[in-house]
Amino acid sequence: MKQESPHSQSVLRAAAAFSALGSEQRLQVLRSIVRAGPEGVSIGELGQRSGVTGSTLTHHMKILSQAGLVEQMRQGRSIICFAAAYDEMRALSEFLLSECCADSQEAHKDHDHV
């Protein structure tokens, strides 16, 4: 059974994303952005919705952005935050589930009977 190298790009990318989500506040911020939908949410509104404001919110947004989970765009005088990384979040889910049950005894039994 072939396993991914611990240093493959998908493993490194997933590790960075999960590391970014390792904070309760960052996870709450991301969930608030996802709830806003594809039109995004202003940084001020995001602070109200998530309960994280000011420099703390700026810090968390920087980490989430570096992990490829969110994007920010200036719209007039406002900064709009998007969960533009829906594809990245789906890829994380697929990364976790891609080898689901590959090493289970049941999977080997079923394969042996084919």
PDB file of N, CA and C in Angstrom:
ATOM      1  N   MET A   1       0.839  -1.170   0.000  1.00  0.00           N
ATOM      2  CA  MET A   1       0.000   0.000   0.000  1.00  0.00           C
ATOM      3  C   MET A   1       0.888   1.238   0.000  1.00  0.00           C
ATOM      4  N   LYS A   2       0.677   2.116  -0.964  1.00  0.00           N
ATOM      5  CA  LYS A   2       1.488   3.322  -1.085  1.00  0.00           C
ATOM      6  C   LYS A   2       0.917   4.417  -0.188  1.00  0.00           C
ATOM      7  N   GLN A   3       1.776   4.994   0.634  1.00  0.00           N
ATOM      8  CA  GLN A   3       1.379   6.120   1.460  1.00  0.00           C
ATOM      9  C   GLN A   3       2.131   7.343   0.985  1.00  0.00           C
ATOM     10  N   GLU A   4       1.495   8.524   1.224  1.00  0.00           N
ATOM     11  CA  GLU A   4       2.151   9.766   0.830  1.00  0.00           C
ATOM     12  C   GLU A   4       3.368  10.008   1.705  1.00  0.00           C
ATOM     13  N   SER A   5       4.385  10.549   1.096  1.00  0.00           N
ATOM     14  CA  SER A   5       5.562  10.952   1.851  1.00  0.00           C
ATOM     15  C   SER A   5       5.144  11.997   2.866  1.00  0.00           C
ATOM     16  N   PRO A   6       5.728  11.963   4.065  1.00  0.00           N
ATOM     17  CA  PRO A   6       5.353  12.959   5.059  1.00  0.00           C
ATOM     18  C   PRO A   6       5.698  14.385   4.629  1.00  0.00           C
ATOM     19  N   HIS A   7       6.446  14.541   3.549  1.00  0.00           N
ATOM     20  CA  HIS A   7       6.835  15.875   3.087  1.00  0.00           C
ATOM     21  C   HIS A   7       6.197  16.239   1.752  1.00  0.00           C
ATOM     22  N   SER A   8       5.210  15.465   1.299  1.00  0.00           N
ATOM     23  CA  SER A   8       4.568  15.791   0.029  1.00  0.00           C
ATOM     24  C   SER A   8       3.810  17.109   0.167  1.00  0.00           C
ATOM     25  N   GLN A   9       3.567  17.769  -0.965  1.00  0.00           N
ATOM     26  CA  GLN A   9       2.909  19.074  -0.953  1.00  0.00           C
ATOM     27  C   GLN A   9       1.536  18.998  -0.291  1.00  0.00           C
ATOM     28  N   SER A  10       0.758  17.947  -0.563  1.00  0.00           N
ATOM     29  CA  SER A  10      -0.575  17.883   0.023  1.00  0.00           C
ATOM     30  C   SER A  10      -0.505  17.724   1.538  1.00  0.00           C
ATOM     31  N   VAL A  11       0.483  16.984   2.036  1.00  0.00           N
ATOM     32  CA  VAL A  11       0.645  16.825   3.474  1.00  0.00           C
ATOM     33  C   VAL A  11       1.074  18.148   4.102  1.00  0.00           C
ATOM     34  N   LEU A  12       2.015  18.836   3.482  1.00  0.00           N
ATOM     35  CA  LEU A  12       2.477  20.118   4.004  1.00  0.00           C
ATOM     36  C   LEU A  12       1.367  21.167   3.993  1.00  0.00           C
ATOM     37  N   ARG A  13       0.589  21.200   2.910  1.00  0.00           N
ATOM     38  CA  ARG A  13      -0.515  22.151   2.797  1.00  0.00           C
ATOM     39  C   ARG A  13      -1.584  21.863   3.847  1.00  0.00           C
ATOM     40  N   ALA A  14      -1.921  20.596   4.032  1.00  0.00           N
ATOM     41  CA  ALA A  14      -2.921  20.223   5.031  1.00  0.00           C
ATOM     42  C   ALA A  14      -2.430  20.565   6.436  1.00  0.00           C
ATOM     43  N   ALA A  15      -1.168  20.299   6.714  1.00  0.00           N
ATOM     44  CA  ALA A  15      -0.616  20.604   8.035  1.00  0.00           C
ATOM     45  C   ALA A  15      -0.681  22.108   8.316  1.00  0.00           C
ATOM     46  N   ALA A  16      -0.385  22.928   7.329  1.00  0.00           N
ATOM     47  CA  ALA A  16      -0.444  24.382   7.513  1.00  0.00           C
ATOM     48  C   ALA A  16      -1.873  24.837   7.778  1.00  0.00           C
ATOM     49  N   ALA A  17      -2.819  24.272   7.036  1.00  0.00           N
ATOM     50  CA  ALA A  17      -4.220  24.654   7.227  1.00  0.00           C
ATOM     51  C   ALA A  17      -4.722  24.216   8.592  1.00  0.00           C
ATOM     52  N   PHE A  18      -4.410  22.983   8.986  1.00  0.00           N
ATOM     53  CA  PHE A  18      -4.865  22.517  10.294  1.00  0.00           C
ATOM     54  C   PHE A  18      -4.190  23.283  11.424  1.00  0.00           C
ATOM     55  N   SER A  19      -2.952  23.671  11.225  1.00  0.00           N
ATOM     56  CA  SER A  19      -2.264  24.480  12.215  1.00  0.00           C
ATOM     57  C   SER A  19      -2.979  25.825  12.379  1.00  0.00           C
ATOM     58  N   ALA A  20      -3.375  26.421  11.260  1.00  0.00           N
ATOM     59  CA  ALA A  20      -4.095  27.693  11.307  1.00  0.00           C
ATOM     60  C   ALA A  20      -5.426  27.548  12.031  1.00  0.00           C
ATOM     61  N   LEU A  21      -6.027  26.394  11.951  1.00  0.00           N
ATOM     62  CA  LEU A  21      -7.320  26.164  12.593  1.00  0.00           C
ATOM     63  C   LEU A  21      -7.183  25.694  14.033  1.00  0.00           C
ATOM     64  N   GLY A  22      -5.954  25.657  14.534  1.00  0.00           N
ATOM     65  CA  GLY A  22      -5.689  25.161  15.878  1.00  0.00           C
ATOM     66  C   GLY A  22      -6.026  26.137  16.988  1.00  0.00           C
ATOM     67  N   SER A  23      -6.655  27.220  16.669  1.00  0.00           N
ATOM     68  CA  SER A  23      -7.067  28.212  17.660  1.00  0.00           C
ATOM     69  C   SER A  23      -8.589  28.304  17.638  1.00  0.00           C
ATOM     70  N   GLU A  24      -9.200  28.288  18.803  1.00  0.00           N
ATOM     71  CA  GLU A  24     -10.658  28.406  18.881  1.00  0.00           C
ATOM     72  C   GLU A  24     -11.135  29.701  18.234  1.00  0.00           C
ATOM     73  N   GLN A  25     -10.405  30.787  18.477  1.00  0.00           N
ATOM     74  CA  GLN A  25     -10.811  32.066  17.891  1.00  0.00           C
ATOM     75  C   GLN A  25     -10.706  32.047  16.377  1.00  0.00           C
ATOM     76  N   ARG A  26      -9.625  31.481  15.829  1.00  0.00           N
ATOM     77  CA  ARG A  26      -9.483  31.432  14.367  1.00  0.00           C
ATOM     78  C   ARG A  26     -10.569  30.549  13.768  1.00  0.00           C
ATOM     79  N   LEU A  27     -10.875  29.469  14.422  1.00  0.00           N
ATOM     80  CA  LEU A  27     -11.930  28.585  13.923  1.00  0.00           C
ATOM     81  C   LEU A  27     -13.269  29.331  13.933  1.00  0.00           C
ATOM     82  N   GLN A  28     -13.528  30.096  14.975  1.00  0.00           N
ATOM     83  CA  GLN A  28     -14.764  30.885  15.041  1.00  0.00           C
ATOM     84  C   GLN A  28     -14.791  31.952  13.950  1.00  0.00           C
ATOM     85  N   VAL A  29     -13.662  32.600  13.709  1.00  0.00           N
ATOM     86  CA  VAL A  29     -13.581  33.606  12.650  1.00  0.00           C
ATOM     87  C   VAL A  29     -13.876  32.954  11.302  1.00  0.00           C
ATOM     88  N   LEU A  30     -13.247  31.828  11.022  1.00  0.00           N
ATOM     89  CA  LEU A  30     -13.477  31.147   9.746  1.00  0.00           C
ATOM     90  C   LEU A  30     -14.935  30.722   9.607  1.00  0.00           C
ATOM     91  N   ARG A  31     -15.509  30.188  10.648  1.00  0.00           N
ATOM     92  CA  ARG A  31     -16.915  29.767  10.587  1.00  0.00           C
ATOM     93  C   ARG A  31     -17.821  30.968  10.317  1.00  0.00           C
ATOM     94  N   SER A  32     -17.512  32.119  10.896  1.00  0.00           N
ATOM     95  CA  SER A  32     -18.305  33.325  10.648  1.00  0.00           C
ATOM     96  C   SER A  32     -18.200  33.755   9.192  1.00  0.00           C
ATOM     97  N   ILE A  33     -17.011  33.634   8.611  1.00  0.00           N
ATOM     98  CA  ILE A  33     -16.831  33.989   7.198  1.00  0.00           C
ATOM     99  C   ILE A  33     -17.588  33.010   6.312  1.00  0.00           C
ATOM    100  N   VAL A  34     -17.500  31.730   6.621  1.00  0.00           N
ATOM    101  CA  VAL A  34     -18.213  30.714   5.836  1.00  0.00           C
ATOM    102  C   VAL A  34     -19.721  30.957   5.907  1.00  0.00           C
ATOM    103  N   ARG A  35     -20.216  31.283   7.094  1.00  0.00           N
ATOM    104  CA  ARG A  35     -21.653  31.550   7.265  1.00  0.00           C
ATOM    105  C   ARG A  35     -22.111  32.736   6.426  1.00  0.00           C
ATOM    106  N   ALA A  36     -21.217  33.696   6.187  1.00  0.00           N
ATOM    107  CA  ALA A  36     -21.572  34.884   5.407  1.00  0.00           C
ATOM    108  C   ALA A  36     -21.835  34.552   3.943  1.00  0.00           C
ATOM    109  N   GLY A  37     -21.335  33.438   3.475  1.00  0.00           N
ATOM    110  CA  GLY A  37     -21.565  33.043   2.089  1.00  0.00           C
ATOM    111  C   GLY A  37     -20.595  33.693   1.128  1.00  0.00           C
ATOM    112  N   PRO A  38     -20.845  33.501  -0.155  1.00  0.00           N
ATOM    113  CA  PRO A  38     -19.895  33.934  -1.177  1.00  0.00           C
ATOM    114  C   PRO A  38     -19.724  35.447  -1.285  1.00  0.00           C
ATOM    115  N   GLU A  39     -20.673  36.233  -0.777  1.00  0.00           N
ATOM    116  CA  GLU A  39     -20.510  37.690  -0.847  1.00  0.00           C
ATOM    117  C   GLU A  39     -19.556  38.213   0.206  1.00  0.00           C
ATOM    118  N   GLY A  40     -19.188  37.383   1.164  1.00  0.00           N
ATOM    119  CA  GLY A  40     -18.219  37.775   2.173  1.00  0.00           C
ATOM    120  C   GLY A  40     -18.829  38.650   3.256  1.00  0.00           C
ATOM    121  N   VAL A  41     -17.977  39.179   4.094  1.00  0.00           N
ATOM    122  CA  VAL A  41     -18.409  39.990   5.226  1.00  0.00           C
ATOM    123  C   VAL A  41     -17.338  41.044   5.491  1.00  0.00           C
ATOM    124  N   SER A  42     -17.773  42.230   5.867  1.00  0.00           N
ATOM    125  CA  SER A  42     -16.792  43.278   6.162  1.00  0.00           C
ATOM    126  C   SER A  42     -16.031  42.917   7.425  1.00  0.00           C
ATOM    127  N   ILE A  43     -14.841  43.450   7.562  1.00  0.00           N
ATOM    128  CA  ILE A  43     -14.003  43.146   8.715  1.00  0.00           C
ATOM    129  C   ILE A  43     -14.687  43.591  10.011  1.00  0.00           C
ATOM    130  N   GLY A  44     -15.393  44.725   9.972  1.00  0.00           N
ATOM    131  CA  GLY A  44     -16.113  45.197  11.152  1.00  0.00           C
ATOM    132  C   GLY A  44     -17.230  44.250  11.554  1.00  0.00           C
ATOM    133  N   GLU A  45     -18.011  43.837  10.565  1.00  0.00           N
ATOM    134  CA  GLU A  45     -19.100  42.888  10.817  1.00  0.00           C
ATOM    135  C   GLU A  45     -18.546  41.544  11.277  1.00  0.00           C
ATOM    136  N   LEU A  46     -17.443  41.137  10.697  1.00  0.00           N
ATOM    137  CA  LEU A  46     -16.804  39.880  11.095  1.00  0.00           C
ATOM    138  C   LEU A  46     -16.422  39.925  12.573  1.00  0.00           C
ATOM    139  N   GLY A  47     -15.886  41.059  13.004  1.00  0.00           N
ATOM    140  CA  GLY A  47     -15.535  41.213  14.408  1.00  0.00           C
ATOM    141  C   GLY A  47     -16.740  41.063  15.308  1.00  0.00           C
ATOM    142  N   GLN A  48     -17.867  41.670  14.909  1.00  0.00           N
ATOM    143  CA  GLN A  48     -19.092  41.564  15.705  1.00  0.00           C
ATOM    144  C   GLN A  48     -19.616  40.132  15.735  1.00  0.00           C
ATOM    145  N   ARG A  49     -19.625  39.495  14.577  1.00  0.00           N
ATOM    146  CA  ARG A  49     -20.167  38.137  14.497  1.00  0.00           C
ATOM    147  C   ARG A  49     -19.319  37.122  15.243  1.00  0.00           C
ATOM    148  N   SER A  50     -18.004  37.295  15.172  1.00  0.00           N
ATOM    149  CA  SER A  50     -17.111  36.295  15.763  1.00  0.00           C
ATOM    150  C   SER A  50     -16.739  36.609  17.211  1.00  0.00           C
ATOM    151  N   GLY A  51     -16.934  37.861  17.617  1.00  0.00           N
ATOM    152  CA  GLY A  51     -16.530  38.261  18.960  1.00  0.00           C
ATOM    153  C   GLY A  51     -15.036  38.520  19.083  1.00  0.00           C
ATOM    154  N   VAL A  52     -14.348  38.592  17.939  1.00  0.00           N
ATOM    155  CA  VAL A  52     -12.903  38.853  17.913  1.00  0.00           C
ATOM    156  C   VAL A  52     -12.714  40.177  17.176  1.00  0.00           C
ATOM    157  N   THR A  53     -12.043  41.116  17.799  1.00  0.00           N
ATOM    158  CA  THR A  53     -11.919  42.436  17.175  1.00  0.00           C
ATOM    159  C   THR A  53     -10.482  42.945  17.208  1.00  0.00           C
ATOM    160  N   GLY A  54     -10.274  44.068  16.542  1.00  0.00           N
ATOM    161  CA  GLY A  54      -9.010  44.793  16.595  1.00  0.00           C
ATOM    162  C   GLY A  54      -7.813  44.023  16.088  1.00  0.00           C
ATOM    163  N   SER A  55      -6.694  44.237  16.771  1.00  0.00           N
ATOM    164  CA  SER A  55      -5.440  43.636  16.330  1.00  0.00           C
ATOM    165  C   SER A  55      -5.480  42.113  16.431  1.00  0.00           C
ATOM    166  N   THR A  56      -6.279  41.578  17.346  1.00  0.00           N
ATOM    167  CA  THR A  56      -6.400  40.116  17.456  1.00  0.00           C
ATOM    168  C   THR A  56      -7.040  39.559  16.192  1.00  0.00           C
ATOM    169  N   LEU A  57      -8.089  40.223  15.707  1.00  0.00           N
ATOM    170  CA  LEU A  57      -8.742  39.780  14.474  1.00  0.00           C
ATOM    171  C   LEU A  57      -7.781  39.902  13.295  1.00  0.00           C
ATOM    172  N   THR A  58      -7.046  40.989  13.228  1.00  0.00           N
ATOM    173  CA  THR A  58      -6.060  41.185  12.165  1.00  0.00           C
ATOM    174  C   THR A  58      -5.030  40.062  12.177  1.00  0.00           C
ATOM    175  N   HIS A  59      -4.555  39.708  13.350  1.00  0.00           N
ATOM    176  CA  HIS A  59      -3.581  38.620  13.505  1.00  0.00           C
ATOM    177  C   HIS A  59      -4.163  37.294  13.009  1.00  0.00           C
ATOM    178  N   HIS A  60      -5.378  36.984  13.435  1.00  0.00           N
ATOM    179  CA  HIS A  60      -6.005  35.724  13.026  1.00  0.00           C
ATOM    180  C   HIS A  60      -6.275  35.686  11.521  1.00  0.00           C
ATOM    181  N   MET A  61      -6.687  36.817  10.954  1.00  0.00           N
ATOM    182  CA  MET A  61      -6.936  36.871   9.513  1.00  0.00           C
ATOM    183  C   MET A  61      -5.648  36.649   8.729  1.00  0.00           C
ATOM    184  N   LYS A  62      -4.555  37.183   9.224  1.00  0.00           N
ATOM    185  CA  LYS A  62      -3.265  36.992   8.546  1.00  0.00           C
ATOM    186  C   LYS A  62      -2.902  35.509   8.519  1.00  0.00           C
ATOM    187  N   ILE A  63      -3.079  34.819   9.613  1.00  0.00           N
ATOM    188  CA  ILE A  63      -2.742  33.396   9.682  1.00  0.00           C
ATOM    189  C   ILE A  63      -3.667  32.581   8.784  1.00  0.00           C
ATOM    190  N   LEU A  64      -4.967  32.870   8.814  1.00  0.00           N
ATOM    191  CA  LEU A  64      -5.917  32.147   7.964  1.00  0.00           C
ATOM    192  C   LEU A  64      -5.639  32.412   6.487  1.00  0.00           C
ATOM    193  N   SER A  65      -5.257  33.634   6.167  1.00  0.00           N
ATOM    194  CA  SER A  65      -4.940  33.988   4.791  1.00  0.00           C
ATOM    195  C   SER A  65      -3.673  33.279   4.319  1.00  0.00           C
ATOM    196  N   GLN A  66      -2.638  33.264   5.158  1.00  0.00           N
ATOM    197  CA  GLN A  66      -1.386  32.586   4.799  1.00  0.00           C
ATOM    198  C   GLN A  66      -1.606  31.088   4.585  1.00  0.00           C
ATOM    199  N   ALA A  67      -2.570  30.518   5.292  1.00  0.00           N
ATOM    200  CA  ALA A  67      -2.874  29.093   5.138  1.00  0.00           C
ATOM    201  C   ALA A  67      -3.753  28.836   3.918  1.00  0.00           C
ATOM    202  N   GLY A  68      -4.167  29.911   3.244  1.00  0.00           N
ATOM    203  CA  GLY A  68      -4.977  29.752   2.037  1.00  0.00           C
ATOM    204  C   GLY A  68      -6.448  29.501   2.312  1.00  0.00           C
ATOM    205  N   LEU A  69      -6.916  29.817   3.519  1.00  0.00           N
ATOM    206  CA  LEU A  69      -8.301  29.532   3.871  1.00  0.00           C
ATOM    207  C   LEU A  69      -9.246  30.708   3.659  1.00  0.00           C
ATOM    208  N   VAL A  70      -8.723  31.930   3.648  1.00  0.00           N
ATOM    209  CA  VAL A  70      -9.555  33.112   3.433  1.00  0.00           C
ATOM    210  C   VAL A  70      -8.828  34.095   2.528  1.00  0.00           C
ATOM    211  N   GLU A  71      -9.594  35.000   1.977  1.00  0.00           N
ATOM    212  CA  GLU A  71      -9.041  36.094   1.194  1.00  0.00           C
ATOM    213  C   GLU A  71      -9.676  37.379   1.675  1.00  0.00           C
ATOM    214  N   GLN A  72      -8.944  38.474   1.526  1.00  0.00           N
ATOM    215  CA  GLN A  72      -9.461  39.797   1.861  1.00  0.00           C
ATOM    216  C   GLN A  72      -9.351  40.674   0.627  1.00  0.00           C
ATOM    217  N   MET A  73     -10.335  41.539   0.461  1.00  0.00           N
ATOM    218  CA  MET A  73     -10.340  42.429  -0.687  1.00  0.00           C
ATOM    219  C   MET A  73     -10.870  43.782  -0.238  1.00  0.00           C
ATOM    220  N   ARG A  74     -10.218  44.827  -0.678  1.00  0.00           N
ATOM    221  CA  ARG A  74     -10.693  46.175  -0.359  1.00  0.00           C
ATOM    222  C   ARG A  74     -11.839  46.505  -1.309  1.00  0.00           C
ATOM    223  N   GLN A  75     -12.931  46.983  -0.727  1.00  0.00           N
ATOM    224  CA  GLN A  75     -14.100  47.382  -1.508  1.00  0.00           C
ATOM    225  C   GLN A  75     -14.491  48.772  -1.019  1.00  0.00           C
ATOM    226  N   GLY A  76     -14.059  49.786  -1.749  1.00  0.00           N
ATOM    227  CA  GLY A  76     -14.253  51.156  -1.284  1.00  0.00           C
ATOM    228  C   GLY A  76     -13.405  51.384  -0.040  1.00  0.00           C
ATOM    229  N   ARG A  77     -14.053  51.767   1.048  1.00  0.00           N
ATOM    230  CA  ARG A  77     -13.331  52.014   2.291  1.00  0.00           C
ATOM    231  C   ARG A  77     -13.356  50.792   3.206  1.00  0.00           C
ATOM    232  N   SER A  78     -14.001  49.728   2.790  1.00  0.00           N
ATOM    233  CA  SER A  78     -14.137  48.538   3.628  1.00  0.00           C
ATOM    234  C   SER A  78     -13.221  47.421   3.160  1.00  0.00           C
ATOM    235  N   ILE A  79     -12.869  46.576   4.092  1.00  0.00           N
ATOM    236  CA  ILE A  79     -12.159  45.345   3.757  1.00  0.00           C
ATOM    237  C   ILE A  79     -13.180  44.217   3.884  1.00  0.00           C
ATOM    238  N   ILE A  80     -13.361  43.491   2.803  1.00  0.00           N
ATOM    239  CA  ILE A  80     -14.315  42.389   2.777  1.00  0.00           C
ATOM    240  C   ILE A  80     -13.521  41.085   2.885  1.00  0.00           C
ATOM    241  N   CYS A  81     -13.988  40.220   3.770  1.00  0.00           N
ATOM    242  CA  CYS A  81     -13.337  38.924   3.988  1.00  0.00           C
ATOM    243  C   CYS A  81     -14.187  37.839   3.348  1.00  0.00           C
ATOM    244  N   PHE A  82     -13.541  37.014   2.582  1.00  0.00           N
ATOM    245  CA  PHE A  82     -14.224  35.937   1.877  1.00  0.00           C
ATOM    246  C   PHE A  82     -13.656  34.595   2.301  1.00  0.00           C
ATOM    247  N   ALA A  83     -14.519  33.618   2.364  1.00  0.00           N
ATOM    248  CA  ALA A  83     -14.059  32.245   2.518  1.00  0.00           C
ATOM    249  C   ALA A  83     -13.897  31.714   1.104  1.00  0.00           C
ATOM    250  N   ALA A  84     -13.035  32.383   0.363  1.00  0.00           N
ATOM    251  CA  ALA A  84     -12.831  32.044  -1.040  1.00  0.00           C
ATOM    252  C   ALA A  84     -12.166  30.694  -1.179  1.00  0.00           C
ATOM    253  N   ALA A  85     -11.755  30.148  -0.087  1.00  0.00           N
ATOM    254  CA  ALA A  85     -11.024  28.897  -0.127  1.00  0.00           C
ATOM    255  C   ALA A  85     -11.934  27.701   0.125  1.00  0.00           C
ATOM    256  N   TYR A  86     -13.172  27.769  -0.351  1.00  0.00           N
ATOM    257  CA  TYR A  86     -14.049  26.608  -0.215  1.00  0.00           C
ATOM    258  C   TYR A  86     -13.375  25.383  -0.832  1.00  0.00           C
ATOM    259  N   ASP A  87     -12.704  25.588  -1.968  1.00  0.00           N
ATOM    260  CA  ASP A  87     -12.010  24.476  -2.616  1.00  0.00           C
ATOM    261  C   ASP A  87     -10.913  23.925  -1.720  1.00  0.00           C
ATOM    262  N   GLU A  88     -10.201  24.817  -1.025  1.00  0.00           N
ATOM    263  CA  GLU A  88      -9.145  24.384  -0.116  1.00  0.00           C
ATOM    264  C   GLU A  88      -9.728  23.597   1.050  1.00  0.00           C
ATOM    265  N   MET A  89     -10.869  24.040   1.557  1.00  0.00           N
ATOM    266  CA  MET A  89     -11.506  23.328   2.665  1.00  0.00           C
ATOM    267  C   MET A  89     -12.012  21.954   2.210  1.00  0.00           C
ATOM    268  N   ARG A  90     -12.553  21.901   1.008  1.00  0.00           N
ATOM    269  CA  ARG A  90     -12.965  20.603   0.457  1.00  0.00           C
ATOM    270  C   ARG A  90     -11.752  19.695   0.287  1.00  0.00           C
ATOM    271  N   ALA A  91     -10.646  20.272  -0.185  1.00  0.00           N
ATOM    272  CA  ALA A  91      -9.425  19.485  -0.368  1.00  0.00           C
ATOM    273  C   ALA A  91      -8.932  18.933   0.970  1.00  0.00           C
ATOM    274  N   LEU A  92      -9.073  19.716   2.049  1.00  0.00           N
ATOM    275  CA  LEU A  92      -8.691  19.220   3.375  1.00  0.00           C
ATOM    276  C   LEU A  92      -9.548  18.024   3.770  1.00  0.00           C
ATOM    277  N   SER A  93     -10.839  18.129   3.531  1.00  0.00           N
ATOM    278  CA  SER A  93     -11.735  17.015   3.840  1.00  0.00           C
ATOM    279  C   SER A  93     -11.358  15.784   3.027  1.00  0.00           C
ATOM    280  N   GLU A  94     -11.130  15.997   1.746  1.00  0.00           N
ATOM    281  CA  GLU A  94     -10.762  14.884   0.874  1.00  0.00           C
ATOM    282  C   GLU A  94      -9.417  14.294   1.285  1.00  0.00           C
ATOM    283  N   PHE A  95      -8.486  15.154   1.709  1.00  0.00           N
ATOM    284  CA  PHE A  95      -7.186  14.674   2.179  1.00  0.00           C
ATOM    285  C   PHE A  95      -7.375  13.721   3.350  1.00  0.00           C
ATOM    286  N   LEU A  96      -8.223  14.108   4.300  1.00  0.00           N
ATOM    287  CA  LEU A  96      -8.441  13.265   5.475  1.00  0.00           C
ATOM    288  C   LEU A  96      -9.141  11.961   5.131  1.00  0.00           C
ATOM    289  N   LEU A  97     -10.061  12.023   4.169  1.00  0.00           N
ATOM    290  CA  LEU A  97     -10.876  10.854   3.861  1.00  0.00           C
ATOM    291  C   LEU A  97     -10.365  10.018   2.694  1.00  0.00           C
ATOM    292  N   SER A  98      -9.361  10.487   1.994  1.00  0.00           N
ATOM    293  CA  SER A  98      -8.933   9.818   0.759  1.00  0.00           C
ATOM    294  C   SER A  98      -8.471   8.384   0.977  1.00  0.00           C
ATOM    295  N   GLU A  99      -7.924   8.112   2.113  1.00  0.00           N
ATOM    296  CA  GLU A  99      -7.462   6.750   2.374  1.00  0.00           C
ATOM    297  C   GLU A  99      -8.271   6.100   3.489  1.00  0.00           C
ATOM    298  N   CYS A 100      -9.496   6.545   3.633  1.00  0.00           N
ATOM    299  CA  CYS A 100     -10.360   6.021   4.679  1.00  0.00           C
ATOM    300  C   CYS A 100     -10.422   4.502   4.611  1.00  0.00           C
ATOM    301  N   CYS A 101     -10.121   3.910   5.718  1.00  0.00           N
ATOM    302  CA  CYS A 101     -10.252   2.463   5.912  1.00  0.00           C
ATOM    303  C   CYS A 101      -9.276   1.631   5.081  1.00  0.00           C
ATOM    304  N   ALA A 102      -8.278   2.260   4.456  1.00  0.00           N
ATOM    305  CA  ALA A 102      -7.350   1.547   3.584  1.00  0.00           C
ATOM    306  C   ALA A 102      -6.598   0.443   4.314  1.00  0.00           C
ATOM    307  N   ASP A 103      -6.353   0.621   5.577  1.00  0.00           N
ATOM    308  CA  ASP A 103      -5.605  -0.377   6.332  1.00  0.00           C
ATOM    309  C   ASP A 103      -6.496  -1.229   7.242  1.00  0.00           C
ATOM    310  N   SER A 104      -7.802  -1.076   7.139  1.00  0.00           N
ATOM    311  CA  SER A 104      -8.685  -1.859   8.010  1.00  0.00           C
ATOM    312  C   SER A 104      -8.744  -3.307   7.539  1.00  0.00           C
ATOM    313  N   GLN A 105      -8.988  -4.171   8.458  1.00  0.00           N
ATOM    314  CA  GLN A 105      -9.084  -5.590   8.149  1.00  0.00           C
ATOM    315  C   GLN A 105     -10.269  -5.868   7.222  1.00  0.00           C
ATOM    316  N   GLU A 106     -11.372  -5.157   7.396  1.00  0.00           N
ATOM    317  CA  GLU A 106     -12.553  -5.350   6.557  1.00  0.00           C
ATOM    318  C   GLU A 106     -12.258  -5.008   5.099  1.00  0.00           C
ATOM    319  N   ALA A 107     -11.493  -3.949   4.875  1.00  0.00           N
ATOM    320  CA  ALA A 107     -11.157  -3.567   3.503  1.00  0.00           C
ATOM    321  C   ALA A 107     -10.334  -4.656   2.837  1.00  0.00           C
ATOM    322  N   HIS A 108      -9.426  -5.265   3.589  1.00  0.00           N
ATOM    323  CA  HIS A 108      -8.609  -6.342   3.021  1.00  0.00           C
ATOM    324  C   HIS A 108      -9.430  -7.581   2.758  1.00  0.00           C
ATOM    325  N   LYS A 109     -10.383  -7.916   3.623  1.00  0.00           N
ATOM    326  CA  LYS A 109     -11.252  -9.071   3.413  1.00  0.00           C
ATOM    327  C   LYS A 109     -12.054  -8.899   2.145  1.00  0.00           C
ATOM    328  N   ASP A 110     -12.654  -7.706   1.968  1.00  0.00           N
ATOM    329  CA  ASP A 110     -13.455  -7.446   0.775  1.00  0.00           C
ATOM    330  C   ASP A 110     -12.607  -7.532  -0.473  1.00  0.00           C
ATOM    331  N   HIS A 111     -11.373  -7.034  -0.427  1.00  0.00           N
ATOM    332  CA  HIS A 111     -10.485  -7.044  -1.584  1.00  0.00           C
ATOM    333  C   HIS A 111     -10.081  -8.469  -1.924  1.00  0.00           C
ATOM    334  N   ASP A 112      -9.868  -9.310  -0.910  1.00  0.00           N
ATOM    335  CA  ASP A 112      -9.443 -10.690  -1.130  1.00  0.00           C
ATOM    336  C   ASP A 112     -10.514 -11.516  -1.823  1.00  0.00           C
ATOM    337  N   HIS A 113     -11.775 -11.137  -1.675  1.00  0.00           N
ATOM    338  CA  HIS A 113     -12.867 -11.885  -2.271  1.00  0.00           C
ATOM    339  C   HIS A 113     -13.207 -11.440  -3.667  1.00  0.00           C
ATOM    340  N   VAL A 114     -12.517 -10.461  -4.174  1.00  0.00           N
ATOM    341  CA  VAL A 114     -12.828  -9.934  -5.522  1.00  0.00           C
ATOM    342  C   VAL A 114     -12.226 -10.801  -6.578  1.00  0.00           C
TER     343      VAL A 114
END
